[in-house]
Amino acid sequence: MTASTPSKTTRTSRASTAADTPASYEAALAELEQLVGQLDAGQLPLDQLLTHYQRGALLLSFCRARLAAVEQQIQQLDNGELKPWEGA
């Protein structure tokens, strides 16, 4: 019974790490780029691969939500009309 306790603790700490919300869009993007690099390298053990993939999915969702929120704010500032980007 003692052997299952550390396993449960490990699962709990993994779950809480994956659920941490990034501080900002930029922090999420930087972490996502790092995870993608590690996944592309193909050198992670299977359990880490799954954990990294789950974290990446969470970060991607966070980034998409932040971009959608900013787009909505821009639409409100432009009276509901999206204007083409002229920068770059």
N, C-alpha and C. Protein backbone atom coordinates (compact mmCIF):
# COMPACT_ATOMS: atom_id res chain seq x y z
N MET A 1 0.83 -1.19 0.00
CA MET A 1 0.00 0.00 0.00
C MET A 1 0.87 1.25 0.00
N THR A 2 2.03 1.19 0.61
CA THR A 2 2.94 2.35 0.61
C THR A 2 3.48 2.60 -0.79
N ALA A 3 3.63 1.57 -1.59
CA ALA A 3 4.16 1.74 -2.94
C ALA A 3 3.21 2.54 -3.82
N SER A 4 1.90 2.46 -3.57
CA SER A 4 0.96 3.20 -4.40
C SER A 4 0.90 4.67 -4.00
N THR A 5 1.27 5.02 -2.79
CA THR A 5 1.21 6.41 -2.35
C THR A 5 2.14 7.33 -3.14
N PRO A 6 3.44 6.99 -3.35
CA PRO A 6 4.28 7.86 -4.17
C PRO A 6 3.77 8.00 -5.59
N SER A 7 3.23 6.92 -6.13
CA SER A 7 2.70 6.98 -7.49
C SER A 7 1.54 7.97 -7.57
N LYS A 8 0.68 7.94 -6.57
CA LYS A 8 -0.45 8.87 -6.53
C LYS A 8 0.05 10.30 -6.39
N THR A 9 1.05 10.53 -5.56
CA THR A 9 1.62 11.86 -5.39
C THR A 9 2.22 12.34 -6.69
N THR A 10 2.93 11.48 -7.40
CA THR A 10 3.53 11.85 -8.68
C THR A 10 2.46 12.24 -9.68
N ARG A 11 1.39 11.46 -9.75
CA ARG A 11 0.31 11.79 -10.67
C ARG A 11 -0.31 13.13 -10.32
N THR A 12 -0.50 13.42 -9.04
CA THR A 12 -1.09 14.67 -8.62
C THR A 12 -0.21 15.84 -9.00
N SER A 13 1.10 15.74 -8.78
CA SER A 13 1.99 16.85 -9.11
C SER A 13 2.05 17.04 -10.63
N ARG A 14 1.99 15.97 -11.41
CA ARG A 14 1.96 16.11 -12.86
C ARG A 14 0.69 16.83 -13.31
N ALA A 15 -0.43 16.46 -12.72
CA ALA A 15 -1.70 17.08 -13.10
C ALA A 15 -1.71 18.55 -12.75
N SER A 16 -1.18 18.92 -11.60
CA SER A 16 -1.19 20.33 -11.22
C SER A 16 -0.23 21.13 -12.09
N THR A 17 0.89 20.53 -12.52
CA THR A 17 1.81 21.23 -13.40
C THR A 17 1.15 21.49 -14.75
N ALA A 18 0.44 20.52 -15.27
CA ALA A 18 -0.21 20.67 -16.56
C ALA A 18 -1.35 21.68 -16.49
N ALA A 19 -1.91 21.91 -15.33
CA ALA A 19 -3.04 22.82 -15.19
C ALA A 19 -2.61 24.25 -14.89
N ASP A 20 -1.33 24.50 -14.67
CA ASP A 20 -0.86 25.86 -14.38
C ASP A 20 -1.11 26.77 -15.57
N THR A 21 -1.69 27.93 -15.30
CA THR A 21 -1.97 28.90 -16.34
C THR A 21 -0.75 29.78 -16.56
N PRO A 22 -0.35 29.99 -17.81
CA PRO A 22 0.80 30.85 -18.09
C PRO A 22 0.55 32.28 -17.63
N ALA A 23 1.63 33.00 -17.35
CA ALA A 23 1.52 34.38 -16.88
C ALA A 23 1.07 35.32 -17.98
N SER A 24 1.43 35.01 -19.23
CA SER A 24 1.09 35.89 -20.35
C SER A 24 1.09 35.10 -21.65
N TYR A 25 0.63 35.75 -22.69
CA TYR A 25 0.66 35.14 -24.03
C TYR A 25 2.10 34.84 -24.43
N GLU A 26 2.97 35.80 -24.17
CA GLU A 26 4.38 35.64 -24.55
C GLU A 26 5.03 34.48 -23.80
N ALA A 27 4.72 34.33 -22.52
CA ALA A 27 5.27 33.23 -21.73
C ALA A 27 4.74 31.90 -22.25
N ALA A 28 3.46 31.85 -22.59
CA ALA A 28 2.86 30.63 -23.12
C ALA A 28 3.49 30.26 -24.45
N LEU A 29 3.69 31.25 -25.31
CA LEU A 29 4.27 31.00 -26.62
C LEU A 29 5.71 30.50 -26.50
N ALA A 30 6.48 31.11 -25.61
CA ALA A 30 7.87 30.68 -25.41
C ALA A 30 7.92 29.24 -24.89
N GLU A 31 7.06 28.91 -23.93
CA GLU A 31 7.03 27.56 -23.40
C GLU A 31 6.57 26.57 -24.47
N LEU A 32 5.59 26.97 -25.27
CA LEU A 32 5.09 26.11 -26.33
C LEU A 32 6.19 25.83 -27.36
N GLU A 33 6.94 26.85 -27.72
CA GLU A 33 8.05 26.65 -28.67
C GLU A 33 9.09 25.69 -28.10
N GLN A 34 9.37 25.81 -26.81
CA GLN A 34 10.33 24.91 -26.16
C GLN A 34 9.81 23.46 -26.18
N LEU A 35 8.53 23.29 -25.87
CA LEU A 35 7.94 21.95 -25.88
C LEU A 35 7.96 21.33 -27.27
N VAL A 36 7.64 22.13 -28.27
CA VAL A 36 7.64 21.62 -29.64
C VAL A 36 9.04 21.17 -30.03
N GLY A 37 10.05 21.94 -29.64
CA GLY A 37 11.43 21.55 -29.92
C GLY A 37 11.78 20.22 -29.27
N GLN A 38 11.34 20.02 -28.04
CA GLN A 38 11.61 18.77 -27.34
C GLN A 38 10.86 17.61 -27.97
N LEU A 39 9.62 17.85 -28.39
CA LEU A 39 8.83 16.80 -29.03
C LEU A 39 9.43 16.44 -30.40
N ASP A 40 9.86 17.46 -31.13
CA ASP A 40 10.45 17.21 -32.45
C ASP A 40 11.76 16.43 -32.36
N ALA A 41 12.49 16.63 -31.27
CA ALA A 41 13.76 15.92 -31.10
C ALA A 41 13.53 14.41 -30.98
N GLY A 42 12.35 14.01 -30.51
CA GLY A 42 12.01 12.60 -30.44
C GLY A 42 12.82 11.80 -29.43
N GLN A 43 13.33 12.44 -28.40
CA GLN A 43 14.18 11.76 -27.45
C GLN A 43 13.55 11.64 -26.06
N LEU A 44 12.25 11.93 -25.96
CA LEU A 44 11.57 11.87 -24.67
C LEU A 44 11.01 10.48 -24.40
N PRO A 45 11.06 10.03 -23.14
CA PRO A 45 10.37 8.78 -22.79
C PRO A 45 8.87 8.94 -23.01
N LEU A 46 8.18 7.85 -23.17
CA LEU A 46 6.76 7.87 -23.51
C LEU A 46 5.91 8.66 -22.51
N ASP A 47 6.15 8.47 -21.20
CA ASP A 47 5.33 9.20 -20.22
C ASP A 47 5.58 10.70 -20.29
N GLN A 48 6.80 11.12 -20.54
CA GLN A 48 7.10 12.55 -20.68
C GLN A 48 6.53 13.09 -21.99
N LEU A 49 6.53 12.27 -23.01
CA LEU A 49 5.98 12.66 -24.30
C LEU A 49 4.51 13.02 -24.15
N LEU A 50 3.77 12.18 -23.46
CA LEU A 50 2.35 12.43 -23.25
C LEU A 50 2.13 13.68 -22.40
N THR A 51 2.91 13.83 -21.34
CA THR A 51 2.79 15.01 -20.47
C THR A 51 3.10 16.29 -21.24
N HIS A 52 4.16 16.26 -22.05
CA HIS A 52 4.53 17.43 -22.85
C HIS A 52 3.44 17.75 -23.88
N TYR A 53 2.89 16.71 -24.49
CA TYR A 53 1.84 16.91 -25.48
C TYR A 53 0.61 17.57 -24.83
N GLN A 54 0.23 17.08 -23.65
CA GLN A 54 -0.92 17.64 -22.93
C GLN A 54 -0.67 19.10 -22.56
N ARG A 55 0.53 19.39 -22.08
CA ARG A 55 0.88 20.77 -21.72
C ARG A 55 0.85 21.66 -22.96
N GLY A 56 1.36 21.14 -24.07
CA GLY A 56 1.34 21.90 -25.33
C GLY A 56 -0.07 22.20 -25.78
N ALA A 57 -0.96 21.24 -25.64
CA ALA A 57 -2.37 21.46 -26.02
C ALA A 57 -2.99 22.54 -25.14
N LEU A 58 -2.68 22.52 -23.85
CA LEU A 58 -3.19 23.55 -22.95
C LEU A 58 -2.64 24.93 -23.32
N LEU A 59 -1.35 25.00 -23.62
CA LEU A 59 -0.73 26.28 -24.00
C LEU A 59 -1.30 26.80 -25.31
N LEU A 60 -1.52 25.91 -26.27
CA LEU A 60 -2.09 26.30 -27.55
C LEU A 60 -3.50 26.87 -27.35
N SER A 61 -4.28 26.21 -26.53
CA SER A 61 -5.63 26.68 -26.23
C SER A 61 -5.59 28.06 -25.56
N PHE A 62 -4.66 28.25 -24.63
CA PHE A 62 -4.50 29.53 -23.95
C PHE A 62 -4.16 30.63 -24.97
N CYS A 63 -3.20 30.35 -25.86
CA CYS A 63 -2.79 31.35 -26.85
C CYS A 63 -3.94 31.71 -27.79
N ARG A 64 -4.68 30.70 -28.24
CA ARG A 64 -5.81 30.96 -29.13
C ARG A 64 -6.87 31.81 -28.44
N ALA A 65 -7.13 31.53 -27.17
CA ALA A 65 -8.12 32.30 -26.42
C ALA A 65 -7.68 33.74 -26.24
N ARG A 66 -6.39 33.95 -25.96
CA ARG A 66 -5.87 35.32 -25.81
C ARG A 66 -5.96 36.09 -27.13
N LEU A 67 -5.61 35.43 -28.23
CA LEU A 67 -5.69 36.08 -29.54
C LEU A 67 -7.14 36.43 -29.89
N ALA A 68 -8.06 35.54 -29.58
CA ALA A 68 -9.48 35.81 -29.85
C ALA A 68 -9.97 36.99 -29.01
N ALA A 69 -9.52 37.07 -27.76
CA ALA A 69 -9.93 38.17 -26.89
C ALA A 69 -9.40 39.50 -27.41
N VAL A 70 -8.16 39.50 -27.87
CA VAL A 70 -7.57 40.73 -28.41
C VAL A 70 -8.28 41.13 -29.70
N GLU A 71 -8.59 40.16 -30.55
CA GLU A 71 -9.31 40.45 -31.79
C GLU A 71 -10.67 41.06 -31.49
N GLN A 72 -11.35 40.54 -30.47
CA GLN A 72 -12.66 41.08 -30.09
C GLN A 72 -12.52 42.52 -29.59
N GLN A 73 -11.47 42.80 -28.83
CA GLN A 73 -11.25 44.17 -28.34
C GLN A 73 -10.96 45.12 -29.50
N ILE A 74 -10.20 44.64 -30.49
CA ILE A 74 -9.89 45.47 -31.65
C ILE A 74 -11.16 45.77 -32.44
N GLN A 75 -12.02 44.76 -32.59
CA GLN A 75 -13.29 44.97 -33.29
C GLN A 75 -14.13 46.03 -32.58
N GLN A 76 -14.14 46.01 -31.26
CA GLN A 76 -14.90 47.00 -30.51
C GLN A 76 -14.30 48.39 -30.70
N LEU A 77 -12.99 48.48 -30.72
CA LEU A 77 -12.33 49.76 -30.93
C LEU A 77 -12.56 50.29 -32.34
N ASP A 78 -12.69 49.39 -33.31
CA ASP A 78 -12.91 49.78 -34.70
C ASP A 78 -14.39 49.77 -35.07
N ASN A 79 -15.27 49.89 -34.08
CA ASN A 79 -16.72 49.90 -34.29
C ASN A 79 -17.23 48.66 -35.02
N GLY A 80 -16.72 47.50 -34.60
CA GLY A 80 -17.21 46.24 -35.13
C GLY A 80 -16.65 45.86 -36.49
N GLU A 81 -15.73 46.61 -37.01
CA GLU A 81 -15.19 46.32 -38.34
C GLU A 81 -13.70 46.01 -38.23
N LEU A 82 -13.31 44.83 -38.69
CA LEU A 82 -11.89 44.49 -38.70
C LEU A 82 -11.24 45.16 -39.90
N LYS A 83 -10.14 45.85 -39.64
CA LYS A 83 -9.41 46.51 -40.72
C LYS A 83 -8.16 45.70 -41.04
N PRO A 84 -7.72 45.71 -42.29
CA PRO A 84 -6.52 44.95 -42.64
C PRO A 84 -5.28 45.50 -41.94
N TRP A 85 -4.37 44.60 -41.62
CA TRP A 85 -3.13 44.97 -40.95
C TRP A 85 -2.20 45.60 -41.98
N GLU A 86 -1.72 46.82 -41.69
CA GLU A 86 -0.85 47.51 -42.63
C GLU A 86 0.58 47.58 -42.14
N GLY A 87 0.84 46.98 -40.96
CA GLY A 87 2.20 46.94 -40.44
C GLY A 87 2.97 45.81 -41.09
N ALA A 88 4.20 45.71 -40.79
CA ALA A 88 5.08 44.62 -41.25
C ALA A 88 5.72 44.90 -42.51
